[in-house]
Amino acid sequence: MLEKIPSSLGRAMGGMRAGTRGLVYNRLAGIPAAIAISSPAFVDDGPLPARFTADGPGLSPPLEWRGAPARTAELVLLIEDPDAPMPHPLLHAMAWRLRGTEGAIAEGALSSAGHPPQGPPMGRNSYLLRNYLPPDPPSGHGLHHYAFELFALDAPAQFQSTPGRTAMIDFLTTHAIAMGMMTGTYSRA
């Protein structure tokens, strides 16, 4: 959708960015950053392959983790873009009921447009959809960073309805016991 924005408009909005301070990872001060996240598809702070973006099939990337505390009940994954020209980071996906102090999710495990749900339950992203919103930065806006944030919980996440970002932050504030983050990048000329 944003690929249709002219590059000149993207360049004009280049200074408009939500900022990394708004990332959930940075809002939860005092939580140990004990979880190491990696991906067999890209390196930390390296470019995301096009297959994980709106310029490809839009699959969610594979992720692996280790170092969650032994008392972890489950894990929550958030994917946010702090470079979005918005007041707060754009939430691309939110999934929970991930298991294991060492674990992984496969490529395409998060539901996305055209790809049916096959993995963990999904919360509402910034477009209020319950799926993975592939990176789709405006042309000419510059490099965007996509934060893959993982949080270990001391209790299973339970919600009366499908949660959005605010409801998940409230739950994480009380129940997160460890966290980790890795970043992928993507841009359009």
N, C-alpha and C. Protein backbone atom coordinates (compact mmCIF):
# COMPACT_ATOMS: atom_id res chain seq x y z
N MET A 1 0.83 -1.19 0.00
CA MET A 1 0.00 0.00 0.00
C MET A 1 0.88 1.25 0.00
N LEU A 2 1.90 1.32 0.86
CA LEU A 2 2.72 2.52 0.94
C LEU A 2 3.71 2.64 -0.22
N GLU A 3 3.88 1.56 -1.00
CA GLU A 3 4.78 1.63 -2.15
C GLU A 3 4.24 2.59 -3.20
N LYS A 4 2.96 2.95 -3.11
CA LYS A 4 2.35 3.86 -4.08
C LYS A 4 2.59 5.34 -3.73
N ILE A 5 3.12 5.61 -2.55
CA ILE A 5 3.45 6.98 -2.17
C ILE A 5 4.65 7.43 -3.01
N PRO A 6 4.56 8.59 -3.66
CA PRO A 6 5.70 9.05 -4.47
C PRO A 6 6.96 9.23 -3.61
N SER A 7 8.12 8.93 -4.20
CA SER A 7 9.40 9.07 -3.49
C SER A 7 9.60 10.47 -2.95
N SER A 8 9.14 11.48 -3.70
CA SER A 8 9.32 12.86 -3.25
C SER A 8 8.58 13.10 -1.93
N LEU A 9 7.39 12.52 -1.78
CA LEU A 9 6.64 12.66 -0.53
C LEU A 9 7.34 11.87 0.58
N GLY A 10 7.84 10.69 0.25
CA GLY A 10 8.59 9.89 1.24
C GLY A 10 9.81 10.65 1.74
N ARG A 11 10.55 11.31 0.82
CA ARG A 11 11.72 12.09 1.23
C ARG A 11 11.30 13.28 2.09
N ALA A 12 10.18 13.91 1.74
CA ALA A 12 9.69 15.06 2.51
C ALA A 12 9.33 14.65 3.94
N MET A 13 8.88 13.41 4.11
CA MET A 13 8.52 12.91 5.44
C MET A 13 9.72 12.26 6.15
N GLY A 14 10.91 12.34 5.55
CA GLY A 14 12.09 11.65 6.07
C GLY A 14 12.40 11.93 7.53
N GLY A 15 12.14 13.14 8.00
CA GLY A 15 12.42 13.48 9.40
C GLY A 15 11.31 13.08 10.35
N MET A 16 10.19 12.65 9.81
CA MET A 16 9.06 12.23 10.66
C MET A 16 9.23 10.76 11.01
N ARG A 17 9.53 10.48 12.28
CA ARG A 17 9.73 9.11 12.74
C ARG A 17 9.26 9.00 14.17
N ALA A 18 8.68 7.85 14.50
CA ALA A 18 8.18 7.62 15.85
C ALA A 18 9.31 7.63 16.88
N GLY A 19 10.42 6.99 16.58
CA GLY A 19 11.57 6.95 17.47
C GLY A 19 11.64 5.66 18.30
N THR A 20 12.85 5.27 18.63
CA THR A 20 13.07 4.01 19.35
C THR A 20 12.62 4.07 20.81
N ARG A 21 12.50 5.26 21.37
CA ARG A 21 12.04 5.35 22.78
C ARG A 21 10.65 4.76 22.95
N GLY A 22 9.84 4.79 21.90
CA GLY A 22 8.49 4.27 21.98
C GLY A 22 8.37 2.76 21.85
N LEU A 23 9.45 2.08 21.47
CA LEU A 23 9.39 0.62 21.38
C LEU A 23 9.01 0.03 22.73
N VAL A 24 8.18 -1.00 22.73
CA VAL A 24 7.79 -1.65 23.98
C VAL A 24 9.03 -2.09 24.74
N TYR A 25 10.02 -2.62 24.04
CA TYR A 25 11.27 -3.07 24.65
C TYR A 25 11.91 -1.95 25.48
N ASN A 26 11.91 -0.74 24.96
CA ASN A 26 12.52 0.39 25.66
C ASN A 26 11.62 1.00 26.73
N ARG A 27 10.33 0.70 26.67
CA ARG A 27 9.39 1.23 27.67
C ARG A 27 9.39 0.39 28.95
N LEU A 28 9.89 -0.85 28.88
CA LEU A 28 9.86 -1.74 30.04
C LEU A 28 11.22 -1.73 30.75
N ALA A 29 11.58 -0.61 31.32
CA ALA A 29 12.85 -0.47 32.04
C ALA A 29 12.88 -1.42 33.23
N GLY A 30 14.04 -1.98 33.48
CA GLY A 30 14.21 -2.85 34.64
C GLY A 30 13.99 -4.33 34.35
N ILE A 31 13.51 -4.69 33.17
CA ILE A 31 13.35 -6.09 32.81
C ILE A 31 14.70 -6.57 32.25
N PRO A 32 15.24 -7.68 32.76
CA PRO A 32 16.54 -8.15 32.25
C PRO A 32 16.49 -8.49 30.76
N ALA A 33 17.48 -8.03 30.03
CA ALA A 33 17.60 -8.34 28.60
C ALA A 33 18.42 -9.63 28.47
N ALA A 34 17.82 -10.75 28.85
CA ALA A 34 18.52 -12.02 28.95
C ALA A 34 18.28 -12.94 27.76
N ILE A 35 17.32 -12.62 26.90
CA ILE A 35 16.96 -13.51 25.80
C ILE A 35 17.73 -13.11 24.54
N ALA A 36 18.41 -14.08 23.94
CA ALA A 36 19.12 -13.86 22.68
C ALA A 36 18.22 -14.31 21.54
N ILE A 37 17.98 -13.42 20.59
CA ILE A 37 17.15 -13.73 19.42
C ILE A 37 18.03 -13.71 18.18
N SER A 38 17.78 -14.65 17.28
CA SER A 38 18.49 -14.68 16.01
C SER A 38 17.54 -15.20 14.94
N SER A 39 17.99 -15.14 13.70
CA SER A 39 17.20 -15.66 12.59
C SER A 39 18.15 -16.31 11.59
N PRO A 40 17.76 -17.46 11.06
CA PRO A 40 18.58 -18.05 9.99
C PRO A 40 18.44 -17.31 8.66
N ALA A 41 17.51 -16.33 8.60
CA ALA A 41 17.24 -15.62 7.34
C ALA A 41 17.92 -14.25 7.23
N PHE A 42 18.32 -13.65 8.36
CA PHE A 42 18.98 -12.34 8.33
C PHE A 42 19.77 -12.15 9.62
N VAL A 43 20.75 -11.27 9.58
CA VAL A 43 21.57 -10.99 10.76
C VAL A 43 21.01 -9.78 11.49
N ASP A 44 21.34 -9.68 12.78
CA ASP A 44 20.88 -8.55 13.58
C ASP A 44 21.36 -7.25 12.94
N ASP A 45 20.45 -6.32 12.78
CA ASP A 45 20.68 -5.01 12.17
C ASP A 45 21.03 -5.10 10.69
N GLY A 46 20.71 -6.25 10.08
CA GLY A 46 20.95 -6.44 8.66
C GLY A 46 19.65 -6.38 7.88
N PRO A 47 19.75 -6.36 6.55
CA PRO A 47 18.55 -6.23 5.71
C PRO A 47 17.66 -7.48 5.76
N LEU A 48 16.36 -7.22 5.77
CA LEU A 48 15.38 -8.30 5.67
C LEU A 48 15.27 -8.72 4.21
N PRO A 49 15.29 -10.02 3.92
CA PRO A 49 15.06 -10.45 2.55
C PRO A 49 13.66 -10.02 2.09
N ALA A 50 13.51 -9.71 0.81
CA ALA A 50 12.25 -9.20 0.26
C ALA A 50 11.07 -10.15 0.51
N ARG A 51 11.31 -11.45 0.66
CA ARG A 51 10.19 -12.39 0.85
C ARG A 51 9.43 -12.13 2.14
N PHE A 52 10.05 -11.38 3.08
CA PHE A 52 9.38 -11.07 4.34
C PHE A 52 8.74 -9.70 4.33
N THR A 53 8.68 -9.05 3.17
CA THR A 53 8.17 -7.69 3.05
C THR A 53 6.97 -7.64 2.09
N ALA A 54 6.39 -6.46 1.96
CA ALA A 54 5.28 -6.26 1.03
C ALA A 54 5.75 -6.33 -0.42
N ASP A 55 7.05 -6.31 -0.66
CA ASP A 55 7.58 -6.44 -2.01
C ASP A 55 7.80 -7.90 -2.40
N GLY A 56 7.49 -8.81 -1.50
CA GLY A 56 7.57 -10.25 -1.74
C GLY A 56 6.27 -10.88 -1.30
N PRO A 57 6.29 -12.17 -0.97
CA PRO A 57 5.05 -12.82 -0.54
C PRO A 57 4.57 -12.39 0.85
N GLY A 58 5.39 -11.66 1.60
CA GLY A 58 4.94 -11.13 2.89
C GLY A 58 4.87 -12.15 4.00
N LEU A 59 5.74 -13.16 3.95
CA LEU A 59 5.79 -14.17 5.01
C LEU A 59 6.51 -13.61 6.23
N SER A 60 6.16 -14.11 7.40
CA SER A 60 6.90 -13.72 8.61
C SER A 60 8.24 -14.49 8.61
N PRO A 61 9.30 -13.85 9.08
CA PRO A 61 10.61 -14.52 9.06
C PRO A 61 10.74 -15.56 10.17
N PRO A 62 11.63 -16.54 9.98
CA PRO A 62 11.90 -17.50 11.04
C PRO A 62 12.72 -16.83 12.13
N LEU A 63 12.45 -17.20 13.37
CA LEU A 63 13.19 -16.66 14.52
C LEU A 63 13.56 -17.80 15.46
N GLU A 64 14.67 -17.63 16.15
CA GLU A 64 15.11 -18.58 17.17
C GLU A 64 15.49 -17.80 18.41
N TRP A 65 15.36 -18.42 19.58
CA TRP A 65 15.74 -17.74 20.81
C TRP A 65 16.30 -18.73 21.81
N ARG A 66 17.08 -18.16 22.74
CA ARG A 66 17.62 -18.92 23.87
C ARG A 66 17.82 -17.95 25.03
N GLY A 67 17.84 -18.50 26.24
CA GLY A 67 18.13 -17.67 27.40
C GLY A 67 16.92 -17.20 28.19
N ALA A 68 15.72 -17.66 27.84
CA ALA A 68 14.56 -17.29 28.66
C ALA A 68 14.69 -18.01 30.01
N PRO A 69 14.27 -17.37 31.09
CA PRO A 69 14.38 -18.01 32.41
C PRO A 69 13.63 -19.34 32.47
N ALA A 70 14.10 -20.24 33.31
CA ALA A 70 13.49 -21.56 33.46
C ALA A 70 12.02 -21.46 33.89
N ARG A 71 11.66 -20.43 34.62
CA ARG A 71 10.27 -20.29 35.10
C ARG A 71 9.34 -19.61 34.10
N THR A 72 9.78 -19.48 32.84
CA THR A 72 8.97 -18.86 31.81
C THR A 72 7.73 -19.70 31.53
N ALA A 73 6.55 -19.08 31.62
CA ALA A 73 5.29 -19.77 31.32
C ALA A 73 5.02 -19.77 29.81
N GLU A 74 5.33 -18.66 29.16
CA GLU A 74 5.22 -18.54 27.71
C GLU A 74 5.92 -17.26 27.29
N LEU A 75 6.02 -17.05 25.97
CA LEU A 75 6.67 -15.85 25.45
C LEU A 75 5.72 -15.09 24.53
N VAL A 76 5.96 -13.80 24.43
CA VAL A 76 5.19 -12.90 23.56
C VAL A 76 6.17 -12.26 22.59
N LEU A 77 5.78 -12.20 21.32
CA LEU A 77 6.58 -11.56 20.28
C LEU A 77 5.85 -10.34 19.76
N LEU A 78 6.55 -9.21 19.71
CA LEU A 78 6.05 -8.00 19.07
C LEU A 78 7.04 -7.61 17.98
N ILE A 79 6.52 -7.14 16.85
CA ILE A 79 7.37 -6.62 15.78
C ILE A 79 6.92 -5.19 15.53
N GLU A 80 7.85 -4.23 15.74
CA GLU A 80 7.51 -2.81 15.63
C GLU A 80 8.49 -2.07 14.73
N ASP A 81 8.00 -1.02 14.09
CA ASP A 81 8.81 -0.14 13.24
C ASP A 81 8.87 1.25 13.88
N PRO A 82 10.01 1.60 14.52
CA PRO A 82 10.12 2.92 15.13
C PRO A 82 10.39 4.04 14.13
N ASP A 83 10.60 3.67 12.86
CA ASP A 83 10.87 4.68 11.83
C ASP A 83 9.62 5.09 11.08
N ALA A 84 8.48 4.53 11.44
CA ALA A 84 7.22 4.89 10.78
C ALA A 84 6.93 6.37 11.04
N PRO A 85 6.39 7.08 10.03
CA PRO A 85 6.07 8.50 10.22
C PRO A 85 4.76 8.65 11.00
N MET A 86 4.82 8.25 12.26
CA MET A 86 3.65 8.24 13.15
C MET A 86 4.10 8.71 14.53
N PRO A 87 3.15 8.98 15.42
CA PRO A 87 3.53 9.40 16.77
C PRO A 87 4.15 8.28 17.62
N HIS A 88 3.86 7.02 17.28
CA HIS A 88 4.43 5.89 18.02
C HIS A 88 4.79 4.80 17.02
N PRO A 89 5.66 3.85 17.40
CA PRO A 89 6.05 2.80 16.45
C PRO A 89 4.86 2.04 15.88
N LEU A 90 4.98 1.69 14.62
CA LEU A 90 3.94 0.90 13.95
C LEU A 90 4.09 -0.55 14.38
N LEU A 91 3.02 -1.13 14.92
CA LEU A 91 3.04 -2.52 15.35
C LEU A 91 2.70 -3.41 14.16
N HIS A 92 3.65 -4.22 13.73
CA HIS A 92 3.46 -5.11 12.58
C HIS A 92 2.87 -6.45 12.97
N ALA A 93 3.14 -6.90 14.17
CA ALA A 93 2.59 -8.19 14.61
C ALA A 93 2.74 -8.32 16.11
N MET A 94 1.83 -9.12 16.67
CA MET A 94 1.89 -9.45 18.09
C MET A 94 1.38 -10.88 18.22
N ALA A 95 2.21 -11.76 18.76
CA ALA A 95 1.83 -13.16 18.93
C ALA A 95 2.22 -13.61 20.33
N TRP A 96 1.46 -14.55 20.88
CA TRP A 96 1.78 -15.07 22.19
C TRP A 96 1.60 -16.58 22.21
N ARG A 97 1.78 -17.17 23.37
CA ARG A 97 1.78 -18.62 23.59
C ARG A 97 2.95 -19.30 22.90
N LEU A 98 4.05 -18.55 22.73
CA LEU A 98 5.28 -19.17 22.24
C LEU A 98 5.90 -19.90 23.42
N ARG A 99 6.49 -21.05 23.17
CA ARG A 99 6.98 -21.92 24.25
C ARG A 99 8.48 -22.11 24.19
N GLY A 100 9.04 -22.40 25.34
CA GLY A 100 10.42 -22.86 25.43
C GLY A 100 11.43 -21.81 25.82
N THR A 101 12.30 -22.17 26.77
CA THR A 101 13.40 -21.28 27.12
C THR A 101 14.36 -21.18 25.94
N GLU A 102 14.40 -22.24 25.13
CA GLU A 102 15.06 -22.22 23.83
C GLU A 102 14.00 -22.66 22.84
N GLY A 103 13.79 -21.88 21.81
CA GLY A 103 12.71 -22.22 20.89
C GLY A 103 12.86 -21.53 19.56
N ALA A 104 11.84 -21.69 18.73
CA ALA A 104 11.87 -21.12 17.39
C ALA A 104 10.46 -21.04 16.83
N ILE A 105 10.30 -20.17 15.85
CA ILE A 105 9.10 -20.17 15.02
C ILE A 105 9.59 -20.22 13.58
N ALA A 106 8.89 -20.98 12.77
CA ALA A 106 9.29 -21.19 11.38
C ALA A 106 8.90 -20.02 10.49
N GLU A 107 9.53 -19.95 9.34
CA GLU A 107 9.15 -18.97 8.32
C GLU A 107 7.67 -19.14 8.01
N GLY A 108 6.93 -18.03 7.98
CA GLY A 108 5.51 -18.06 7.66
C GLY A 108 4.61 -18.55 8.78
N ALA A 109 5.16 -18.73 9.99
CA ALA A 109 4.35 -19.24 11.10
C ALA A 109 3.29 -18.24 11.56
N LEU A 110 3.53 -16.96 11.40
CA LEU A 110 2.53 -15.96 11.79
C LEU A 110 1.59 -15.74 10.60
N SER A 111 0.31 -15.72 10.88
CA SER A 111 -0.64 -15.53 9.78
C SER A 111 -0.42 -14.16 9.15
N SER A 112 -0.64 -14.10 7.84
CA SER A 112 -0.51 -12.84 7.11
C SER A 112 -1.49 -12.88 5.94
N ALA A 113 -1.66 -11.75 5.27
CA ALA A 113 -2.60 -11.68 4.15
C ALA A 113 -2.25 -12.75 3.12
N GLY A 114 -3.22 -13.57 2.78
CA GLY A 114 -2.99 -14.61 1.80
C GLY A 114 -2.35 -15.87 2.36
N HIS A 115 -2.01 -15.86 3.63
CA HIS A 115 -1.39 -17.02 4.27
C HIS A 115 -2.19 -17.33 5.53
N PRO A 116 -2.89 -18.44 5.55
CA PRO A 116 -3.78 -18.75 6.68
C PRO A 116 -3.04 -18.93 7.99
N PRO A 117 -3.75 -18.73 9.11
CA PRO A 117 -3.13 -18.93 10.41
C PRO A 117 -2.67 -20.37 10.59
N GLN A 118 -1.47 -20.52 11.09
CA GLN A 118 -0.94 -21.85 11.37
C GLN A 118 -0.10 -21.86 12.63
N GLY A 119 0.09 -20.72 13.22
CA GLY A 119 0.96 -20.63 14.38
C GLY A 119 0.24 -20.14 15.62
N PRO A 120 0.93 -19.33 16.40
CA PRO A 120 0.38 -18.87 17.68
C PRO A 120 -0.76 -17.87 17.50
N PRO A 121 -1.54 -17.64 18.57
CA PRO A 121 -2.59 -16.62 18.49
C PRO A 121 -1.98 -15.24 18.23
N MET A 122 -2.72 -14.43 17.51
CA MET A 122 -2.24 -13.11 17.11
C MET A 122 -3.14 -12.03 17.71
N GLY A 123 -2.49 -10.94 18.16
CA GLY A 123 -3.22 -9.76 18.60
C GLY A 123 -3.41 -8.82 17.42
N ARG A 124 -4.03 -7.66 17.69
CA ARG A 124 -4.28 -6.68 16.64
C ARG A 124 -3.04 -5.82 16.39
N ASN A 125 -2.64 -5.72 15.12
CA ASN A 125 -1.53 -4.85 14.76
C ASN A 125 -2.04 -3.41 14.63
N SER A 126 -1.21 -2.50 14.17
CA SER A 126 -1.61 -1.09 14.07
C SER A 126 -2.73 -0.86 13.07
N TYR A 127 -2.95 -1.79 12.16
CA TYR A 127 -4.07 -1.69 11.22
C TYR A 127 -5.29 -2.44 11.74
N LEU A 128 -5.23 -2.86 13.02
CA LEU A 128 -6.31 -3.57 13.72
C LEU A 128 -6.59 -4.95 13.14
N LEU A 129 -5.62 -5.51 12.44
CA LEU A 129 -5.74 -6.85 11.87
C LEU A 129 -5.00 -7.85 12.74
N ARG A 130 -5.46 -9.07 12.75
CA ARG A 130 -4.82 -10.12 13.54
C ARG A 130 -3.89 -10.93 12.64
N ASN A 131 -2.84 -10.27 12.16
CA ASN A 131 -1.86 -10.97 11.34
C ASN A 131 -0.55 -10.19 11.29
N TYR A 132 0.40 -10.78 10.58
CA TYR A 132 1.70 -10.16 10.34
C TYR A 132 1.54 -9.16 9.21
N LEU A 133 1.88 -7.93 9.48
CA LEU A 133 1.85 -6.86 8.50
C LEU A 133 3.27 -6.72 7.96
N PRO A 134 3.54 -7.16 6.74
CA PRO A 134 4.92 -7.14 6.26
C PRO A 134 5.45 -5.70 6.10
N PRO A 135 6.75 -5.51 6.28
CA PRO A 135 7.34 -4.18 6.09
C PRO A 135 6.97 -3.59 4.73
N ASP A 136 6.55 -2.33 4.77
CA ASP A 136 6.04 -1.63 3.59
C ASP A 136 6.35 -0.14 3.72
N PRO A 137 7.65 0.22 3.88
CA PRO A 137 7.97 1.63 4.12
C PRO A 137 7.70 2.51 2.90
N PRO A 138 7.39 3.78 3.13
CA PRO A 138 7.17 4.69 2.00
C PRO A 138 8.45 4.82 1.16
N SER A 139 8.30 4.86 -0.15
CA SER A 139 9.44 5.08 -1.05
C SER A 139 10.11 6.39 -0.70
N GLY A 140 11.43 6.39 -0.66
CA GLY A 140 12.19 7.60 -0.39
C GLY A 140 12.27 8.01 1.07
N HIS A 141 11.61 7.27 1.98
CA HIS A 141 11.60 7.64 3.40
C HIS A 141 12.89 7.26 4.12
N GLY A 142 13.70 6.45 3.48
CA GLY A 142 14.96 6.04 4.10
C GLY A 142 14.85 4.67 4.75
N LEU A 143 15.91 4.30 5.44
CA LEU A 143 16.01 2.99 6.07
C LEU A 143 15.06 2.88 7.26
N HIS A 144 14.30 1.79 7.30
CA HIS A 144 13.43 1.49 8.43
C HIS A 144 14.00 0.31 9.19
N HIS A 145 13.88 0.37 10.50
CA HIS A 145 14.35 -0.69 11.40
C HIS A 145 13.13 -1.42 11.95
N TYR A 146 13.16 -2.73 11.89
CA TYR A 146 12.05 -3.55 12.38
C TYR A 146 12.53 -4.31 13.60
N ALA A 147 11.97 -3.95 14.75
CA ALA A 147 12.39 -4.53 16.04
C ALA A 147 11.57 -5.78 16.32
N PHE A 148 12.26 -6.91 16.45
CA PHE A 148 11.64 -8.18 16.83
C PHE A 148 11.89 -8.32 18.33
N GLU A 149 10.85 -8.05 19.12
CA GLU A 149 10.95 -7.99 20.58
C GLU A 149 10.29 -9.22 21.19
N LEU A 150 11.02 -9.93 22.04
CA LEU A 150 10.51 -11.15 22.66
C LEU A 150 10.51 -10.97 24.17
N PHE A 151 9.39 -11.32 24.80
CA PHE A 151 9.22 -11.14 26.24
C PHE A 151 8.84 -12.47 26.88
N ALA A 152 9.57 -12.87 27.93
CA ALA A 152 9.23 -14.06 28.71
C ALA A 152 8.25 -13.64 29.80
N LEU A 153 7.21 -14.45 30.01
CA LEU A 153 6.17 -14.15 30.99
C LEU A 153 6.22 -15.15 32.15
N ASP A 154 5.84 -14.67 33.33
CA ASP A 154 5.76 -15.55 34.50
C ASP A 154 4.39 -16.21 34.62
N ALA A 155 3.45 -15.87 33.73
CA ALA A 155 2.11 -16.45 33.72
C ALA A 155 1.60 -16.42 32.28
N PRO A 156 0.73 -17.36 31.90
CA PRO A 156 0.19 -17.33 30.54
C PRO A 156 -0.61 -16.06 30.28
N ALA A 157 -0.49 -15.52 29.09
CA ALA A 157 -1.25 -14.33 28.70
C ALA A 157 -2.71 -14.71 28.50
N GLN A 158 -3.59 -13.97 29.16
CA GLN A 158 -5.02 -14.22 29.03
C GLN A 158 -5.73 -12.89 28.84
N PHE A 159 -6.61 -12.86 27.85
CA PHE A 159 -7.34 -11.64 27.53
C PHE A 159 -8.80 -11.98 27.30
N GLN A 160 -9.69 -11.06 27.64
CA GLN A 160 -11.12 -11.28 27.41
C GLN A 160 -11.49 -11.12 25.94
N SER A 161 -10.71 -10.35 25.21
CA SER A 161 -10.91 -10.19 23.78
C SER A 161 -9.53 -10.05 23.13
N THR A 162 -9.50 -10.01 21.82
CA THR A 162 -8.22 -9.91 21.11
C THR A 162 -7.51 -8.62 21.52
N PRO A 163 -6.30 -8.74 22.07
CA PRO A 163 -5.63 -7.54 22.56
C PRO A 163 -4.98 -6.72 21.46
N GLY A 164 -4.84 -5.44 21.74
CA GLY A 164 -4.05 -4.54 20.93
C GLY A 164 -2.77 -4.22 21.69
N ARG A 165 -2.01 -3.28 21.19
CA ARG A 165 -0.72 -2.92 21.77
C ARG A 165 -0.85 -2.47 23.22
N THR A 166 -1.81 -1.62 23.53
CA THR A 166 -1.96 -1.09 24.89
C THR A 166 -2.27 -2.19 25.89
N ALA A 167 -3.20 -3.09 25.55
CA ALA A 167 -3.53 -4.19 26.46
C ALA A 167 -2.33 -5.09 26.70
N MET A 168 -1.53 -5.32 25.64
CA MET A 168 -0.36 -6.18 25.81
C MET A 168 0.70 -5.48 26.66
N ILE A 169 0.89 -4.18 26.47
CA ILE A 169 1.86 -3.46 27.30
C ILE A 169 1.44 -3.54 28.76
N ASP A 170 0.17 -3.36 29.05
CA ASP A 170 -0.31 -3.47 30.43
C ASP A 170 0.00 -4.85 31.01
N PHE A 171 -0.22 -5.90 30.23
CA PHE A 171 0.05 -7.26 30.71
C PHE A 171 1.56 -7.46 30.91
N LEU A 172 2.36 -7.00 29.95
CA LEU A 172 3.81 -7.17 30.05
C LEU A 172 4.38 -6.41 31.25
N THR A 173 3.84 -5.26 31.55
CA THR A 173 4.33 -4.46 32.68
C THR A 173 4.27 -5.25 33.98
N THR A 174 3.27 -6.10 34.11
CA THR A 174 3.09 -6.90 35.32
C THR A 174 3.77 -8.26 35.24
N HIS A 175 3.86 -8.86 34.04
CA HIS A 175 4.26 -10.26 33.95
C HIS A 175 5.56 -10.55 33.19
N ALA A 176 6.18 -9.57 32.55
CA ALA A 176 7.44 -9.83 31.84
C ALA A 176 8.57 -10.03 32.83
N ILE A 177 9.35 -11.10 32.65
CA ILE A 177 10.48 -11.40 33.54
C ILE A 177 11.82 -11.36 32.81
N ALA A 178 11.80 -11.33 31.49
CA ALA A 178 13.02 -11.21 30.68
C ALA A 178 12.62 -10.80 29.28
N MET A 179 13.57 -10.26 28.54
CA MET A 179 13.27 -9.83 27.18
C MET A 179 14.52 -9.87 26.32
N GLY A 180 14.30 -9.78 25.03
CA GLY A 180 15.38 -9.73 24.07
C GLY A 180 14.89 -9.07 22.80
N MET A 181 15.82 -8.60 21.97
CA MET A 181 15.44 -7.91 20.75
C MET A 181 16.51 -8.10 19.69
N MET A 182 16.06 -8.25 18.45
CA MET A 182 16.94 -8.16 17.29
C MET A 182 16.24 -7.27 16.27
N THR A 183 17.01 -6.75 15.33
CA THR A 183 16.48 -5.79 14.37
C THR A 183 16.81 -6.20 12.95
N GLY A 184 15.83 -6.04 12.06
CA GLY A 184 16.04 -6.18 10.64
C GLY A 184 15.76 -4.84 9.99
N THR A 185 16.33 -4.59 8.83
CA THR A 185 16.14 -3.31 8.15
C THR A 185 15.54 -3.52 6.77
N TYR A 186 14.89 -2.46 6.28
CA TYR A 186 14.33 -2.50 4.93
C TYR A 186 14.07 -1.06 4.47
N SER A 187 14.24 -0.81 3.18
CA SER A 187 13.93 0.52 2.62
C SER A 187 13.54 0.39 1.16
N ARG A 188 12.94 1.44 0.67
CA ARG A 188 12.62 1.56 -0.76
C ARG A 188 13.27 2.84 -1.26
N ALA A 189 13.82 2.78 -2.46
CA ALA A 189 14.49 3.96 -3.05
C ALA A 189 13.51 5.09 -3.30
